[in-house]
């Protein structure tokens, strides 16, 4: 609904997407969380520019999700080798 209200290009939309991505991350939906973080990052870069502090936060959040994806993949490989 807010996307329609703000036409998808507003800092509020980016903030809401970040919040959604955090929920996805905490529920271990890592692929969807990474995609949602990327969507928020694209909006923020377009609206705020590459040097804004919110860009750094978005990149950090995305990096944490990607780290967890890599760790999960490593754990799955290790588990598969044991069995």
Protein backbone atom coordinates (compact mmCIF):
# COMPACT_ATOMS: atom_id res chain seq x y z
CA UNK A 1 0.00 0.00 0.00
CA UNK A 2 2.75 2.47 0.86
CA UNK A 3 4.46 1.68 -2.43
CA UNK A 4 1.35 2.93 -4.22
CA UNK A 5 1.11 5.96 -1.95
CA UNK A 6 4.75 6.95 -2.45
CA UNK A 7 5.11 5.55 -5.98
CA UNK A 8 7.82 3.14 -4.79
CA UNK A 9 10.50 5.84 -4.64
CA UNK A 10 10.55 7.26 -1.13
CA UNK A 11 12.85 6.82 1.88
CA UNK A 12 9.88 5.44 3.86
CA UNK A 13 9.58 2.60 1.34
CA UNK A 14 13.29 1.82 1.70
CA UNK A 15 12.98 1.81 5.49
CA UNK A 16 9.97 -0.49 5.37
CA UNK A 17 11.82 -2.84 3.03
CA UNK A 18 14.78 -2.91 5.41
CA UNK A 19 12.42 -3.84 8.24
CA UNK A 20 10.85 -6.59 6.16
CA UNK A 21 14.30 -7.88 5.22
CA UNK A 22 15.26 -8.03 8.89
CA UNK A 23 12.18 -10.16 9.63
CA UNK A 24 13.04 -12.42 6.70
CA UNK A 25 16.61 -12.71 7.99
CA UNK A 26 15.52 -13.59 11.52
CA UNK A 27 13.13 -16.24 10.17
CA UNK A 28 16.05 -17.66 8.15
CA UNK A 29 14.56 -16.83 4.75
CA UNK A 30 18.01 -15.68 3.66
CA UNK A 31 17.49 -15.59 -0.11
CA UNK A 32 14.41 -13.41 0.21
CA UNK A 33 16.12 -11.24 2.84
CA UNK A 34 19.04 -10.55 0.51
CA UNK A 35 16.70 -9.64 -2.35
CA UNK A 36 14.69 -7.30 -0.12
CA UNK A 37 17.85 -5.62 1.20
CA UNK A 38 18.98 -5.11 -2.40
CA UNK A 39 15.65 -3.55 -3.31
CA UNK A 40 15.94 -1.12 -0.40
CA UNK A 41 19.54 -0.35 -1.32
CA UNK A 42 18.62 0.51 -4.92
CA UNK A 43 15.93 2.93 -3.74
CA UNK A 44 18.22 4.55 -1.20
CA UNK A 45 21.08 5.00 -3.67
CA UNK A 46 18.77 6.58 -6.19
CA UNK A 47 17.25 8.97 -3.64
CA UNK A 48 20.12 9.69 -1.28
CA UNK A 49 23.30 9.17 -3.28
CA UNK A 50 26.11 6.73 -2.71
CA UNK A 51 27.74 8.63 0.18
CA UNK A 52 24.75 8.74 2.54
CA UNK A 53 24.99 7.00 5.92
CA UNK A 54 21.86 4.93 5.21
CA UNK A 55 23.69 3.38 2.23
CA UNK A 56 26.41 2.14 4.59
CA UNK A 57 23.77 0.66 6.90
CA UNK A 58 22.02 -1.05 4.01
CA UNK A 59 25.30 -2.49 2.73
CA UNK A 60 26.16 -3.74 6.21
CA UNK A 61 22.78 -5.43 6.60
CA UNK A 62 23.11 -7.05 3.18
CA UNK A 63 26.62 -8.25 4.08
CA UNK A 64 25.33 -9.89 7.27
CA UNK A 65 22.67 -11.79 5.32
CA UNK A 66 25.18 -12.89 2.68
CA UNK A 67 27.55 -14.03 5.44
CA UNK A 68 24.80 -16.13 6.95
CA UNK A 69 23.99 -17.60 3.53
CA UNK A 70 27.63 -18.64 3.13
CA UNK A 71 27.75 -20.09 6.64
CA UNK A 72 24.55 -22.06 6.04
CA UNK A 73 25.91 -23.45 2.77
CA UNK A 74 29.15 -24.43 4.55
CA UNK A 75 27.20 -26.13 7.35
CA UNK A 76 25.12 -28.07 4.83
CA UNK A 77 28.27 -29.26 3.01
CA UNK A 78 29.90 -30.29 6.28
CA UNK A 79 26.77 -32.15 7.39
CA UNK A 80 26.52 -33.92 4.03
CA UNK A 81 30.15 -35.07 4.25
CA UNK A 82 29.58 -36.58 7.70
CA UNK A 83 26.70 -38.73 6.45
